[in-house]
Amino acid sequence: SDASSIPRDASSIPRDAGSILRDASSIPRDVTGILGDATSIPGDATSIPAHASSITVGSFGEILI
C-alpha cells in the first residue's frame, strides 16, 4: 500500500509548490499595505487634537462630540 501512495504523493508536489509560490508573491503586497498603514498613522495622530477640541461638555456633564 505504501508503494501505491508514492505516485499520488508525487503528483501533489507541483500543487503544493504552486501554492507556496502564490503565497510568496502576495508578501510584497502585504508589506506595501503595512507601510501604507504606517504612513497614515501621523495623519491620524494629528487629527486627534482637532477631534478633542471639538468635544464639548453639556450642562449635565455629558460629553458632546
N, C-alpha and C. Protein backbone atom coordinates (compact mmCIF):
# COMPACT_ATOMS: atom_id res chain seq x y z
N SER A 1 0.84 -1.21 0.00
CA SER A 1 0.00 0.00 0.00
C SER A 1 0.88 1.26 0.00
N ASP A 2 2.07 1.17 0.59
CA ASP A 2 2.97 2.32 0.61
C ASP A 2 3.42 2.67 -0.80
N ALA A 3 3.75 1.64 -1.57
CA ALA A 3 4.24 1.86 -2.93
C ALA A 3 3.18 2.54 -3.79
N SER A 4 1.93 2.20 -3.59
CA SER A 4 0.86 2.78 -4.41
C SER A 4 0.60 4.23 -4.04
N SER A 5 0.99 4.65 -2.85
CA SER A 5 0.74 6.03 -2.44
C SER A 5 1.82 6.98 -2.94
N ILE A 6 2.95 6.45 -3.39
CA ILE A 6 4.05 7.31 -3.85
C ILE A 6 3.65 8.17 -5.06
N PRO A 7 3.03 7.58 -6.10
CA PRO A 7 2.65 8.43 -7.24
C PRO A 7 1.67 9.53 -6.83
N ARG A 8 0.76 9.21 -5.95
CA ARG A 8 -0.22 10.20 -5.51
C ARG A 8 0.50 11.33 -4.76
N ASP A 9 1.41 10.97 -3.87
CA ASP A 9 2.18 11.97 -3.13
C ASP A 9 2.99 12.83 -4.10
N ALA A 10 3.61 12.19 -5.09
CA ALA A 10 4.44 12.91 -6.05
C ALA A 10 3.58 13.88 -6.87
N SER A 11 2.36 13.48 -7.19
CA SER A 11 1.51 14.34 -8.02
C SER A 11 1.05 15.58 -7.27
N SER A 12 1.10 15.53 -5.95
CA SER A 12 0.66 16.69 -5.17
C SER A 12 1.77 17.72 -5.01
N ILE A 13 3.00 17.35 -5.34
CA ILE A 13 4.13 18.27 -5.16
C ILE A 13 3.98 19.55 -6.00
N PRO A 14 3.66 19.43 -7.30
CA PRO A 14 3.51 20.67 -8.08
C PRO A 14 2.42 21.59 -7.52
N ARG A 15 1.33 21.01 -7.05
CA ARG A 15 0.25 21.82 -6.50
C ARG A 15 0.72 22.53 -5.23
N ASP A 16 1.44 21.79 -4.38
CA ASP A 16 1.98 22.40 -3.15
C ASP A 16 2.96 23.51 -3.50
N ALA A 17 3.83 23.25 -4.47
CA ALA A 17 4.83 24.24 -4.88
C ALA A 17 4.13 25.49 -5.44
N GLY A 18 3.07 25.26 -6.21
CA GLY A 18 2.34 26.38 -6.78
C GLY A 18 1.70 27.24 -5.71
N SER A 19 1.19 26.61 -4.66
CA SER A 19 0.55 27.39 -3.60
C SER A 19 1.60 28.15 -2.79
N ILE A 20 2.78 27.57 -2.65
CA ILE A 20 3.86 28.26 -1.93
C ILE A 20 4.28 29.51 -2.70
N LEU A 21 4.43 29.36 -4.03
CA LEU A 21 4.83 30.50 -4.87
C LEU A 21 3.75 31.58 -4.83
N ARG A 22 2.49 31.16 -4.84
CA ARG A 22 1.39 32.13 -4.82
C ARG A 22 1.41 32.89 -3.48
N ASP A 23 1.62 32.15 -2.39
CA ASP A 23 1.71 32.80 -1.08
C ASP A 23 2.88 33.79 -1.04
N ALA A 24 4.02 33.36 -1.61
CA ALA A 24 5.21 34.20 -1.59
C ALA A 24 4.98 35.47 -2.41
N SER A 25 4.23 35.34 -3.50
CA SER A 25 4.01 36.51 -4.36
C SER A 25 3.11 37.54 -3.69
N SER A 26 2.35 37.12 -2.69
CA SER A 26 1.46 38.06 -2.00
C SER A 26 2.19 38.82 -0.89
N ILE A 27 3.38 38.39 -0.54
CA ILE A 27 4.13 39.04 0.55
C ILE A 27 4.43 40.51 0.24
N PRO A 28 4.95 40.83 -0.97
CA PRO A 28 5.22 42.25 -1.24
C PRO A 28 3.98 43.12 -1.12
N ARG A 29 2.84 42.59 -1.57
CA ARG A 29 1.59 43.36 -1.48
C ARG A 29 1.22 43.57 0.00
N ASP A 30 1.39 42.54 0.79
CA ASP A 30 1.10 42.67 2.22
C ASP A 30 2.02 43.71 2.86
N VAL A 31 3.30 43.66 2.49
CA VAL A 31 4.27 44.60 3.06
C VAL A 31 3.91 46.04 2.68
N THR A 32 3.56 46.26 1.41
CA THR A 32 3.22 47.62 0.99
C THR A 32 1.95 48.09 1.69
N GLY A 33 1.05 47.17 1.98
CA GLY A 33 -0.15 47.53 2.72
C GLY A 33 0.19 47.96 4.14
N ILE A 34 1.13 47.26 4.75
CA ILE A 34 1.57 47.60 6.11
C ILE A 34 2.24 48.97 6.11
N LEU A 35 3.10 49.21 5.11
CA LEU A 35 3.79 50.50 5.01
C LEU A 35 2.78 51.62 4.78
N GLY A 36 1.77 51.34 3.96
CA GLY A 36 0.73 52.34 3.71
C GLY A 36 0.00 52.68 4.99
N ASP A 37 -0.32 51.65 5.78
CA ASP A 37 -1.00 51.88 7.06
C ASP A 37 -0.11 52.71 7.98
N ALA A 38 1.19 52.39 7.98
CA ALA A 38 2.12 53.09 8.87
C ALA A 38 2.23 54.56 8.50
N THR A 39 2.20 54.86 7.20
CA THR A 39 2.33 56.26 6.79
C THR A 39 1.08 57.06 7.14
N SER A 40 -0.05 56.38 7.34
CA SER A 40 -1.28 57.11 7.68
C SER A 40 -1.37 57.41 9.17
N ILE A 41 -0.50 56.79 9.97
CA ILE A 41 -0.55 57.00 11.42
C ILE A 41 -0.29 58.46 11.80
N PRO A 42 0.75 59.12 11.24
CA PRO A 42 0.96 60.53 11.62
C PRO A 42 -0.26 61.40 11.31
N GLY A 43 -0.88 61.15 10.16
CA GLY A 43 -2.09 61.91 9.81
C GLY A 43 -3.20 61.68 10.81
N ASP A 44 -3.38 60.42 11.20
CA ASP A 44 -4.41 60.10 12.19
C ASP A 44 -4.09 60.78 13.53
N ALA A 45 -2.82 60.76 13.90
CA ALA A 45 -2.41 61.34 15.18
C ALA A 45 -2.65 62.85 15.20
N THR A 46 -2.40 63.52 14.08
CA THR A 46 -2.59 64.97 14.06
C THR A 46 -4.07 65.33 14.09
N SER A 47 -4.94 64.40 13.68
CA SER A 47 -6.36 64.71 13.68
C SER A 47 -6.99 64.52 15.06
N ILE A 48 -6.29 63.84 15.96
CA ILE A 48 -6.84 63.60 17.29
C ILE A 48 -7.06 64.91 18.06
N PRO A 49 -6.08 65.83 18.10
CA PRO A 49 -6.33 67.09 18.82
C PRO A 49 -7.51 67.86 18.24
N ALA A 50 -7.66 67.82 16.91
CA ALA A 50 -8.79 68.52 16.29
C ALA A 50 -10.11 67.95 16.79
N HIS A 51 -10.17 66.61 16.88
CA HIS A 51 -11.39 65.98 17.38
C HIS A 51 -11.59 66.34 18.85
N ALA A 52 -10.51 66.31 19.60
CA ALA A 52 -10.60 66.58 21.04
C ALA A 52 -11.09 68.01 21.29
N SER A 53 -10.63 68.95 20.47
CA SER A 53 -11.02 70.34 20.68
C SER A 53 -12.49 70.57 20.32
N SER A 54 -13.07 69.64 19.53
CA SER A 54 -14.47 69.82 19.14
C SER A 54 -15.42 69.19 20.14
N ILE A 55 -14.86 68.48 21.13
CA ILE A 55 -15.70 67.85 22.15
C ILE A 55 -16.08 68.90 23.20
N THR A 56 -17.35 68.98 23.46
CA THR A 56 -17.79 69.93 24.49
C THR A 56 -18.56 69.18 25.56
N VAL A 57 -18.61 69.75 26.73
CA VAL A 57 -19.33 69.12 27.82
C VAL A 57 -20.67 69.83 27.99
N GLY A 58 -21.73 69.03 28.00
CA GLY A 58 -23.06 69.60 28.13
C GLY A 58 -23.34 70.06 29.55
N SER A 59 -24.51 70.67 29.72
CA SER A 59 -24.86 71.24 31.02
C SER A 59 -25.04 70.18 32.10
N PHE A 60 -25.26 68.93 31.69
CA PHE A 60 -25.42 67.87 32.68
C PHE A 60 -24.13 67.07 32.84
N GLY A 61 -23.02 67.58 32.27
CA GLY A 61 -21.74 66.89 32.39
C GLY A 61 -21.55 65.81 31.35
N GLU A 62 -22.47 65.74 30.39
CA GLU A 62 -22.32 64.72 29.36
C GLU A 62 -21.36 65.24 28.28
N ILE A 63 -20.70 64.30 27.62
CA ILE A 63 -19.73 64.69 26.59
C ILE A 63 -20.45 64.75 25.24
N LEU A 64 -20.37 65.89 24.60
CA LEU A 64 -20.98 66.09 23.29
C LEU A 64 -19.87 66.15 22.25
N ILE A 65 -20.00 65.33 21.19
CA ILE A 65 -18.97 65.33 20.16
C ILE A 65 -19.49 66.09 18.94
